[in-house]
C-alpha atoms as a PDB file:
ATOM      1  CA  MET A   1       0.061   0.058   0.039  1.00  0.00           C
ATOM      2  CA  GLU A   2       1.161   3.330  -0.999  1.00  0.00           C
ATOM      3  CA  MET A   3       0.775   6.151   1.427  1.00  0.00           C
ATOM      4  CA  GLN A   4      -0.835   9.348  -0.032  1.00  0.00           C
ATOM      5  CA  PRO A   5      -0.041  12.871   1.173  1.00  0.00           C
ATOM      6  CA  ARG A   6      -2.405  14.101   3.647  1.00  0.00           C
ATOM      7  CA  ARG A   7      -4.637  16.739   2.448  1.00  0.00           C
ATOM      8  CA  PRO A   8      -5.565  19.844   4.418  1.00  0.00           C
ATOM      9  CA  THR A   9      -8.893  20.017   6.075  1.00  0.00           C
ATOM     10  CA  SER A  10     -11.527  22.281   4.489  1.00  0.00           C
ATOM     11  CA  PRO A  11     -12.097  25.665   6.064  1.00  0.00           C
ATOM     12  CA  ALA A  12     -15.025  26.527   8.153  1.00  0.00           C
ATOM     13  CA  PRO A  13     -18.104  27.635   6.156  1.00  0.00           C
ATOM     14  CA  GLY A  14     -17.740  31.314   5.210  1.00  0.00           C
ATOM     15  CA  GLY A  15     -14.240  31.668   6.258  1.00  0.00           C
ATOM     16  CA  THR A  16     -10.921  30.041   6.988  1.00  0.00           C
ATOM     17  CA  ALA A  17     -10.080  27.103   9.329  1.00  0.00           C
ATOM     18  CA  ARG A  18      -9.660  29.368  12.251  1.00  0.00           C
ATOM     19  CA  GLY A  19     -13.150  30.746  11.965  1.00  0.00           C
ATOM     20  CA  ARG A  20     -12.136  34.380  10.745  1.00  0.00           C
ATOM     21  CA  THR A  21     -14.421  35.700   7.936  1.00  0.00           C
ATOM     22  CA  THR A  22     -12.812  36.048   4.392  1.00  0.00           C
ATOM     23  CA  ALA A  23     -13.052  39.788   4.604  1.00  0.00           C
ATOM     24  CA  SER A  24     -10.925  40.120   7.920  1.00  0.00           C
ATOM     25  CA  VAL A  25      -8.301  37.581   6.667  1.00  0.00           C
ATOM     26  CA  GLY A  26      -6.146  40.232   5.102  1.00  0.00           C
ATOM     27  CA  GLN A  27      -6.411  42.686   7.974  1.00  0.00           C
ATOM     28  CA  ARG A  28      -3.987  42.998  10.919  1.00  0.00           C
ATOM     29  CA  GLY A  29      -5.695  42.804  14.325  1.00  0.00           C
ATOM     30  CA  ALA A  30      -9.437  42.268  15.225  1.00  0.00           C
ATOM     31  CA  PRO A  31     -11.844  44.689  13.983  1.00  0.00           C
ATOM     32  CA  TRP A  32     -13.282  44.972  17.603  1.00  0.00           C
ATOM     33  CA  GLY A  33      -9.806  45.771  18.993  1.00  0.00           C
ATOM     34  CA  TRP A  34      -9.314  48.807  16.670  1.00  0.00           C
ATOM     35  CA  PHE A  35     -12.944  49.930  17.454  1.00  0.00           C
ATOM     36  CA  LEU A  36     -12.162  49.978  21.148  1.00  0.00           C
ATOM     37  CA  ALA A  37      -8.851  51.725  20.538  1.00  0.00           C
ATOM     38  CA  TRP A  38     -10.653  54.570  18.660  1.00  0.00           C
ATOM     39  CA  ALA A  39     -13.298  54.556  21.426  1.00  0.00           C
ATOM     40  CA  ALA A  40     -10.553  55.198  24.008  1.00  0.00           C
ATOM     41  CA  VAL A  41      -9.367  58.123  21.845  1.00  0.00           C
ATOM     42  CA  GLY A  42     -13.052  59.534  22.094  1.00  0.00           C
ATOM     43  CA  VAL A  43     -13.472  58.815  25.884  1.00  0.00           C
ATOM     44  CA  CYS A  44     -10.189  60.729  26.228  1.00  0.00           C
ATOM     45  CA  ALA A  45     -11.059  63.789  23.909  1.00  0.00           C
ATOM     46  CA  ALA A  46     -14.549  64.357  25.460  1.00  0.00           C
ATOM     47  CA  PRO A  47     -13.445  65.038  29.079  1.00  0.00           C
ATOM     48  CA  GLY A  48     -10.558  67.023  27.512  1.00  0.00           C
ATOM     49  CA  LEU A  49     -13.030  69.255  25.830  1.00  0.00           C
ATOM     50  CA  ALA A  50     -15.043  69.537  28.849  1.00  0.00           C
ATOM     51  CA  ALA A  51     -12.198  70.529  31.073  1.00  0.00           C
ATOM     52  CA  LEU A  52     -10.134  72.610  28.614  1.00  0.00           C
ATOM     53  CA  LEU A  53      -9.082  75.191  30.938  1.00  0.00           C
ATOM     54  CA  SER A  54      -7.398  72.868  33.593  1.00  0.00           C
ATOM     55  CA  VAL A  55      -6.594  69.147  32.740  1.00  0.00           C
ATOM     56  CA  GLY A  56      -8.211  69.253  29.347  1.00  0.00           C
ATOM     57  CA  VAL A  57      -5.104  70.161  27.480  1.00  0.00           C
ATOM     58  CA  LEU A  58      -3.241  67.066  28.722  1.00  0.00           C
ATOM     59  CA  LEU A  59      -6.168  64.831  27.720  1.00  0.00           C
ATOM     60  CA  LEU A  60      -6.577  66.610  24.276  1.00  0.00           C
ATOM     61  CA  ALA A  61      -2.924  66.127  23.684  1.00  0.00           C
ATOM     62  CA  GLY A  62      -3.047  62.408  24.653  1.00  0.00           C
ATOM     63  CA  ALA A  63      -6.051  61.882  22.254  1.00  0.00           C
ATOM     64  CA  SER A  64      -4.346  63.587  19.349  1.00  0.00           C
ATOM     65  CA  VAL A  65      -1.172  61.513  19.743  1.00  0.00           C
ATOM     66  CA  SER A  66      -3.262  58.370  19.792  1.00  0.00           C
ATOM     67  CA  ALA A  67      -5.273  59.392  16.983  1.00  0.00           C
ATOM     68  CA  VAL A  68      -2.080  60.221  14.807  1.00  0.00           C
ATOM     69  CA  PHE A  69      -0.755  56.807  15.820  1.00  0.00           C
ATOM     70  CA  LEU A  70      -3.943  54.943  14.821  1.00  0.00           C
ATOM     71  CA  LEU A  71      -4.288  56.903  11.670  1.00  0.00           C
ATOM     72  CA  ARG A  72      -0.688  55.887  10.589  1.00  0.00           C
ATOM     73  CA  LYS A  73      -1.907  52.169  11.137  1.00  0.00           C
ATOM     74  CA  GLU A  74      -4.285  52.654   8.227  1.00  0.00           C
ATOM     75  CA  HIS A  75      -7.361  51.769  10.491  1.00  0.00           C
ATOM     76  CA  ARG A  76      -9.567  54.729   9.427  1.00  0.00           C
ATOM     77  CA  THR A  77     -12.732  52.595   8.956  1.00  0.00           C
ATOM     78  CA  THR A  78     -13.165  52.061  12.716  1.00  0.00           C
ATOM     79  CA  ALA A  79     -12.903  55.767  13.420  1.00  0.00           C
ATOM     80  CA  VAL A  80     -16.536  55.320  14.269  1.00  0.00           C
ATOM     81  CA  GLY A  81     -15.374  54.258  17.545  1.00  0.00           C
ATOM     82  CA  THR A  82     -14.188  57.711  18.357  1.00  0.00           C
ATOM     83  CA  LEU A  83     -17.645  58.934  17.998  1.00  0.00           C
ATOM     84  CA  ALA A  84     -18.991  56.188  20.300  1.00  0.00           C
ATOM     85  CA  GLY A  85     -16.312  57.225  22.920  1.00  0.00           C
ATOM     86  CA  LEU A  86     -17.199  60.761  22.720  1.00  0.00           C
ATOM     87  CA  LEU A  87     -20.838  59.836  23.113  1.00  0.00           C
ATOM     88  CA  ALA A  88     -20.218  57.746  26.164  1.00  0.00           C
ATOM     89  CA  ALA A  89     -17.764  60.214  27.917  1.00  0.00           C
ATOM     90  CA  SER A  90     -20.420  63.036  27.105  1.00  0.00           C
ATOM     91  CA  VAL A  91     -23.259  61.185  28.575  1.00  0.00           C
ATOM     92  CA  LEU A  92     -21.173  60.771  31.790  1.00  0.00           C
ATOM     93  CA  VAL A  93     -20.134  64.417  31.839  1.00  0.00           C
ATOM     94  CA  LEU A  94     -23.637  65.637  31.335  1.00  0.00           C
ATOM     95  CA  HIS A  95     -24.980  63.307  34.073  1.00  0.00           C
ATOM     96  CA  LEU A  96     -22.303  64.738  36.401  1.00  0.00           C
ATOM     97  CA  LEU A  97     -23.437  68.205  35.537  1.00  0.00           C
ATOM     98  CA  ALA A  98     -27.140  67.386  36.152  1.00  0.00           C
ATOM     99  CA  ARG A  99     -26.403  65.977  39.434  1.00  0.00           C
ATOM    100  CA  ARG A 100     -24.737  69.073  40.610  1.00  0.00           C
ATOM    101  CA  ARG A 101     -27.456  71.416  39.290  1.00  0.00           C
ATOM    102  CA  GLY A 102     -29.408  71.080  42.577  1.00  0.00           C
ATOM    103  CA  ASN A 103     -26.433  72.251  44.737  1.00  0.00           C
END
């Protein structure tokens, strides 16, 4: 009996053998990871804008450096995370302002 070379197993339906979709195979890193990175930029920028005259300058500088780094990595499509982060931090700032209104 002659041994035949072993054939590779077929990939999972709709993707590769590791379960990633065919659209994300060529990308580096998980799409959710880049979304969360952009959300962190937004979360840093929102309080920076709210507290511009005190600590806000430092927060905005951190957000800008992070945004430049992420833009150099060519992940512009997940910049929606920035809007999500801005919205989340803005809701927190508005909630804190509403609580202090009664004092």
